[in-house]
Protein backbone atom coordinates (compact mmCIF):
# COMPACT_ATOMS: atom_id res chain seq x y z
CA MET A 1 0.00 0.00 0.00
CA THR A 2 1.23 3.52 -0.76
CA LYS A 3 0.66 6.48 1.53
CA THR A 4 -0.15 9.89 0.08
CA THR A 5 0.26 12.96 2.28
CA VAL A 6 -2.27 15.79 1.90
CA GLN A 7 -1.69 19.10 3.74
CA ALA A 8 -4.69 20.63 5.51
CA ALA A 9 -6.00 23.97 4.25
CA PRO A 10 -5.29 27.11 6.33
CA GLY A 11 -7.85 27.54 9.10
CA ALA A 12 -9.15 23.98 8.75
CA GLN A 13 -9.37 21.73 11.78
CA ARG A 14 -6.27 19.56 12.02
CA PRO A 15 -6.43 15.86 12.86
CA PRO A 16 -6.17 14.85 16.52
CA ASN A 17 -2.52 13.81 16.17
CA GLY A 18 -1.65 17.29 14.92
CA GLY A 19 -0.08 16.01 11.73
CA SER A 20 -1.20 16.04 8.15
CA ARG A 21 -3.98 13.79 6.90
CA ARG A 22 -2.89 10.62 5.17
CA ILE A 23 -4.92 8.87 2.52
CA VAL A 24 -4.15 5.20 1.97
CA THR A 25 -4.44 4.12 -1.65
CA PRO A 26 -3.93 0.66 -3.10
CA ARG A 27 -0.74 0.05 -5.00
CA THR A 28 -1.20 -0.69 -8.67
CA ARG A 29 -0.12 -4.21 -9.48
CA ILE A 30 2.10 -4.37 -12.53
CA GLY A 31 3.07 -7.46 -14.45
CA ARG A 32 0.03 -9.61 -13.69
CA ARG A 33 -2.22 -10.21 -16.69
CA VAL A 34 -5.75 -11.47 -16.24
CA PRO A 35 -6.97 -13.82 -19.00
CA GLY A 36 -9.77 -12.43 -21.12
CA THR A 37 -13.27 -13.80 -20.85
CA GLY A 38 -13.18 -14.86 -24.51
CA LEU A 39 -10.07 -16.96 -23.93
CA ILE A 40 -11.60 -18.54 -20.83
CA SER A 41 -14.83 -19.29 -22.70
CA THR A 42 -12.97 -20.86 -25.63
CA ALA A 43 -10.82 -22.98 -23.33
CA SER A 44 -13.90 -24.09 -21.36
CA THR A 45 -15.71 -25.07 -24.56
CA LEU A 46 -12.72 -27.07 -25.81
CA GLY A 47 -12.45 -28.76 -22.42
CA LEU A 48 -16.11 -29.75 -22.49
CA LEU A 49 -15.75 -31.11 -26.03
CA LEU A 50 -12.75 -33.20 -25.01
CA LEU A 51 -14.64 -34.48 -21.97
CA ALA A 52 -17.64 -35.38 -24.13
CA GLY A 53 -15.37 -37.24 -26.58
CA LEU A 54 -13.76 -39.13 -23.70
CA VAL A 55 -17.15 -40.15 -22.26
CA TRP A 56 -18.28 -41.13 -25.75
CA GLN A 57 -15.26 -43.39 -26.25
CA LEU A 58 -15.45 -44.95 -22.77
CA GLY A 59 -19.17 -45.59 -23.17
CA SER A 60 -18.58 -47.43 -26.43
CA ILE A 61 -15.81 -49.54 -24.86
CA ALA A 62 -17.95 -50.33 -21.80
CA GLN A 63 -20.92 -51.14 -24.10
CA TRP A 64 -23.25 -48.68 -22.42
CA TRP A 65 -25.01 -48.50 -25.78
CA SER A 66 -25.00 -50.46 -29.00
CA VAL A 67 -22.06 -49.76 -31.30
CA ALA A 68 -24.45 -50.02 -34.24
CA THR A 69 -26.42 -47.09 -32.80
CA LEU A 70 -23.48 -44.91 -31.73
CA PRO A 71 -20.05 -45.95 -33.08
CA PRO A 72 -16.90 -45.27 -31.03
CA PHE A 73 -15.54 -41.75 -31.14
CA THR A 74 -12.24 -42.88 -32.65
CA GLN A 75 -14.07 -44.53 -35.56
CA VAL A 76 -16.14 -41.43 -36.23
CA ARG A 77 -13.03 -39.25 -35.99
CA SER A 78 -11.20 -41.44 -38.52
CA GLU A 79 -14.18 -41.23 -40.85
CA LEU A 80 -14.22 -37.44 -40.52
CA LEU A 81 -10.52 -37.25 -41.39
CA ARG A 82 -11.19 -39.38 -44.45
CA LEU A 83 -14.04 -37.10 -45.50
CA LEU A 84 -11.78 -34.04 -45.32
CA GLY A 85 -9.94 -35.41 -48.33
CA THR A 86 -13.05 -35.85 -50.50
CA GLY A 87 -14.56 -33.28 -52.82
CA GLU A 88 -18.12 -34.26 -51.99
CA PHE A 89 -17.69 -33.22 -48.36
CA TRP A 90 -16.35 -29.79 -49.28
CA ASP A 91 -19.12 -29.28 -51.85
CA ASP A 92 -21.75 -29.95 -49.16
CA THR A 93 -19.91 -27.77 -46.63
CA GLY A 94 -19.54 -24.95 -49.13
CA ARG A 95 -23.22 -24.97 -50.02
CA THR A 96 -24.35 -25.02 -46.38
CA GLY A 97 -21.83 -22.32 -45.46
CA MET A 98 -23.01 -20.14 -48.34
CA GLU A 99 -26.64 -20.53 -47.25
CA ILE A 100 -25.81 -19.67 -43.64
CA VAL A 101 -23.74 -16.60 -44.52
CA LEU A 102 -26.28 -15.18 -46.98
CA SER A 103 -29.24 -15.79 -44.67
CA LEU A 104 -27.36 -14.32 -41.70
CA VAL A 105 -26.32 -11.17 -43.58
CA ALA A 106 -29.76 -10.65 -45.12
CA GLY A 107 -31.58 -11.46 -41.87
CA THR A 108 -29.35 -9.12 -39.87
CA LEU A 109 -29.89 -6.20 -42.24
CA LEU A 110 -33.64 -6.77 -42.54
CA GLY A 111 -34.02 -7.20 -38.79
CA LEU A 112 -31.95 -4.10 -38.06
CA LEU A 113 -33.99 -1.97 -40.45
CA ALA A 114 -37.25 -3.40 -39.11
CA GLY A 115 -36.21 -2.68 -35.52
CA ILE A 116 -35.35 0.93 -36.41
CA LEU A 117 -38.71 1.27 -38.18
CA PHE A 118 -40.59 -0.03 -35.16
CA TRP A 119 -38.70 2.42 -32.96
CA LYS A 120 -39.40 5.37 -35.23
CA MET A 121 -43.06 4.34 -35.71
CA PRO A 122 -44.22 2.78 -32.42
CA ILE A 123 -47.76 2.24 -33.72
CA VAL A 124 -46.47 -0.03 -36.49
CA GLY A 125 -44.36 -1.90 -33.96
CA ARG A 126 -47.28 -2.45 -31.58
CA ILE A 127 -49.45 -3.70 -34.44
CA LEU A 128 -46.89 -6.14 -35.81
CA GLU A 129 -45.37 -7.32 -32.53
CA PRO A 130 -47.97 -10.05 -31.78
CA TYR A 131 -47.66 -11.44 -35.29
CA LEU A 132 -43.86 -11.44 -35.13
CA VAL A 133 -43.82 -13.21 -31.77
CA SER A 134 -46.36 -15.77 -32.99
CA PHE A 135 -44.50 -16.27 -36.26
CA TYR A 136 -41.29 -16.61 -34.24
CA ALA A 137 -42.71 -19.69 -32.47
CA VAL A 138 -43.90 -21.41 -35.66
CA PRO A 139 -41.45 -23.88 -37.26
CA LEU A 140 -40.83 -22.38 -40.68
CA VAL A 141 -40.13 -25.83 -42.12
CA LEU A 142 -43.89 -25.97 -42.64
CA PHE A 143 -43.56 -23.32 -45.36
CA TYR A 144 -40.81 -25.18 -47.24
CA PRO A 145 -43.22 -26.87 -49.71
CA VAL A 146 -44.60 -23.43 -50.62
CA MET A 147 -41.07 -22.14 -51.23
CA ILE A 148 -40.33 -25.13 -53.44
CA VAL A 149 -43.31 -24.22 -55.61
CA ILE A 150 -42.12 -20.60 -55.84
CA THR A 151 -38.33 -21.04 -56.23
CA GLY A 152 -37.95 -24.76 -57.01
CA ILE A 153 -35.46 -27.12 -55.35
CA THR A 154 -32.69 -24.53 -55.21
CA PRO A 155 -30.61 -22.99 -52.43
CA TRP A 156 -32.83 -19.89 -52.52
CA SER A 157 -35.72 -21.67 -50.84
CA VAL A 158 -33.42 -22.51 -47.91
CA ILE A 159 -31.90 -19.02 -47.85
CA ILE A 160 -35.25 -17.21 -47.82
CA LEU A 161 -36.70 -19.21 -44.93
CA ALA A 162 -33.47 -19.10 -42.94
CA THR A 163 -33.37 -15.32 -43.52
CA VAL A 164 -36.84 -14.94 -42.04
CA MET A 165 -35.83 -17.04 -39.03
CA ALA A 166 -32.77 -14.84 -38.47
CA ALA A 167 -34.55 -11.51 -39.06
CA ILE A 168 -37.26 -11.89 -36.40
CA PRO A 169 -35.00 -12.04 -33.28
CA MET A 170 -32.77 -9.36 -34.76
CA ALA A 171 -35.76 -7.03 -35.27
CA LEU A 172 -37.19 -7.61 -31.79
CA ASN A 173 -33.85 -7.12 -30.02
CA THR A 174 -33.01 -3.98 -32.01
CA TRP A 175 -36.42 -2.51 -31.21
CA VAL A 176 -36.08 -3.26 -27.49
CA GLY A 177 -32.55 -1.83 -27.39
CA LEU A 178 -33.55 1.42 -29.07
CA ALA A 179 -36.75 1.73 -26.99
CA THR A 180 -34.80 1.46 -23.72
CA LEU A 181 -32.34 4.17 -24.78
CA ARG A 182 -32.34 7.08 -22.32
CA PRO A 183 -34.02 10.14 -23.90
CA VAL A 184 -31.35 12.45 -22.46
CA TYR A 185 -28.84 11.06 -24.98
CA LEU A 186 -31.05 12.00 -27.91
CA LYS A 187 -31.75 15.46 -26.43
CA LEU A 188 -28.03 16.02 -25.97
CA ALA A 189 -27.38 15.04 -29.59
CA ARG A 190 -30.00 17.51 -30.79
CA SER A 191 -28.58 20.27 -28.59
CA LEU A 192 -25.16 19.68 -30.14
CA GLY A 193 -26.61 20.06 -33.63
CA CYS A 194 -26.20 16.44 -34.72
CA THR A 195 -27.99 15.39 -37.87
CA ARG A 196 -30.39 12.46 -37.91
CA ARG A 197 -27.74 10.27 -39.48
CA GLN A 198 -25.17 11.23 -36.86
CA THR A 199 -27.66 10.68 -34.05
CA MET A 200 -28.54 7.22 -35.35
CA LEU A 201 -24.99 6.04 -36.10
CA GLN A 202 -23.15 7.67 -33.19
CA VAL A 203 -25.73 7.76 -30.40
CA ALA A 204 -28.73 5.45 -30.86
CA LEU A 205 -27.12 2.34 -32.35
CA PRO A 206 -24.06 2.38 -30.04
CA GLY A 207 -26.39 2.83 -27.07
CA ALA A 208 -28.43 -0.21 -28.13
CA ALA A 209 -25.35 -2.25 -29.05
CA PRO A 210 -25.71 -4.87 -26.25
CA TYR A 211 -29.24 -5.72 -27.40
CA ILE A 212 -28.21 -5.69 -31.07
CA VAL A 213 -25.31 -8.04 -30.38
CA ALA A 214 -27.63 -10.39 -28.49
CA GLY A 215 -29.99 -10.33 -31.47
CA LEU A 216 -27.07 -11.07 -33.78
CA ARG A 217 -26.17 -14.14 -31.73
CA LEU A 218 -29.75 -15.40 -31.89
CA ALA A 219 -29.90 -14.64 -35.61
CA ALA A 220 -26.73 -16.66 -36.26
CA GLY A 221 -28.11 -19.63 -34.33
CA TYR A 222 -31.43 -19.54 -36.15
CA ALA A 223 -29.73 -19.13 -39.53
CA LEU A 224 -27.68 -22.27 -38.85
CA ILE A 225 -30.69 -24.21 -37.57
CA GLY A 226 -32.86 -23.02 -40.44
CA ALA A 227 -30.35 -23.95 -43.13
CA ILE A 228 -29.66 -27.45 -41.75
CA ALA A 229 -33.35 -28.12 -41.03
CA MET A 230 -34.46 -27.03 -44.51
CA GLU A 231 -31.79 -29.20 -46.11
CA PHE A 232 -33.17 -32.16 -44.19
CA THR A 233 -36.50 -31.83 -45.99
CA THR A 234 -35.96 -31.84 -49.74
CA ALA A 235 -32.59 -30.33 -50.60
CA SER A 236 -30.32 -31.78 -53.24
CA ALA A 237 -27.03 -31.01 -51.47
CA GLY A 238 -25.65 -29.68 -48.22
CA LEU A 239 -24.68 -31.05 -44.83
CA GLY A 240 -28.29 -31.53 -43.72
CA PHE A 241 -29.15 -33.38 -46.93
CA ARG A 242 -26.09 -35.61 -46.56
CA ILE A 243 -26.92 -36.49 -42.94
CA ARG A 244 -30.45 -37.52 -43.92
CA TYR A 245 -29.18 -39.53 -46.89
CA LEU A 246 -26.59 -41.38 -44.77
CA TYR A 247 -29.19 -42.05 -42.07
CA GLU A 248 -31.54 -43.64 -44.59
CA SER A 249 -28.72 -45.75 -46.06
CA PHE A 250 -27.57 -46.92 -42.55
CA GLU A 251 -24.05 -45.49 -42.91
CA THR A 252 -23.87 -44.59 -39.24
CA PRO A 253 -20.15 -43.74 -38.80
CA THR A 254 -20.18 -41.43 -41.82
CA MET A 255 -23.42 -39.82 -40.66
CA PHE A 256 -21.94 -39.00 -37.25
CA ALA A 257 -18.84 -37.65 -38.97
CA TYR A 258 -21.08 -35.16 -40.79
CA VAL A 259 -22.77 -34.36 -37.45
CA LEU A 260 -19.34 -33.52 -36.02
CA ALA A 261 -18.72 -31.31 -39.04
CA VAL A 262 -21.94 -29.39 -38.30
CA LEU A 263 -20.86 -29.00 -34.67
CA GLY A 264 -17.48 -27.71 -35.83
CA LEU A 265 -19.18 -25.21 -38.14
CA SER A 266 -21.36 -24.05 -35.27
CA PHE A 267 -18.33 -23.64 -33.00
CA LEU A 268 -16.50 -21.63 -35.68
CA LEU A 269 -19.53 -19.38 -36.19
CA THR A 270 -19.83 -18.80 -32.44
CA LEU A 271 -16.14 -17.94 -32.18
CA LEU A 272 -16.35 -15.43 -35.03
CA LEU A 273 -19.40 -13.81 -33.44
CA ALA A 274 -17.61 -13.58 -30.10
CA LEU A 275 -14.71 -11.77 -31.77
CA ALA A 276 -17.11 -9.44 -33.59
CA GLU A 277 -18.98 -8.74 -30.35
CA LYS A 278 -15.74 -7.91 -28.55
CA ARG A 279 -14.74 -5.51 -31.32
CA MET A 280 -18.16 -3.83 -31.44
CA LEU A 281 -18.44 -3.32 -27.70
CA LYS A 282 -14.85 -2.11 -27.53
CA GLY A 283 -15.60 0.55 -30.14
CA ARG A 284 -18.76 1.45 -28.23
CA ASN A 285 -16.85 1.98 -24.98
CA GLU A 286 -14.25 4.12 -26.73
CA ARG A 287 -16.84 6.58 -28.04
């Protein structure tokens, strides 16, 4: 602890000991680095995955379940390594990745614009909110046959429905974030002569950033779920289509290898979103 001496002002009452007042302040610790929360989260996730793989392998050895139902982890891992050298696997991964990225980008933009519209026009938001919440709870796979009639068996039917699934949580979270913004911030921006564009980009959206980032996380999850689920139905390619095809042909080890690939894609998407969230919130705090 360091001691800082502060002299009393003339005419002020001195301390009982007759000396100067002393304020005790903590010493700054130098050289000790605290791990970031992102690093801790990533390490925890990897640890849980390794633990799950270990339990999986031990359960297969101890015959807790039938090997025909769930093959050993080492067998599935070997099959996944074999698939990494095939063109068919990368074609399916590329198509699913393209569908997820396009639906996430389109859903994020549409949801962001819809949330801003609901904030600017509260009457429209109150009218559409019940329908959005109800539509949010309906599995959009039900509308896939309609999309096939409109667009055919193409990636666009998957992209459109996955975009809708991603846009709804993004719109609701953006609306809530902007609605909970303190009015004093907007009044201060107007008093400083900020334009509407400056107020939106430099005050409103940064103020609602935590809600927007939460909506982005939900949108990414629903885009992934929507793309894989739609491919399960009647797609001609993609990871979801391949998993269904292998399940119907009883190629269990290869099917679980594709399941691991989907889990790896989900983990990669989550990691990228965590990095983007850290960058966005860091820029928000620096403003």
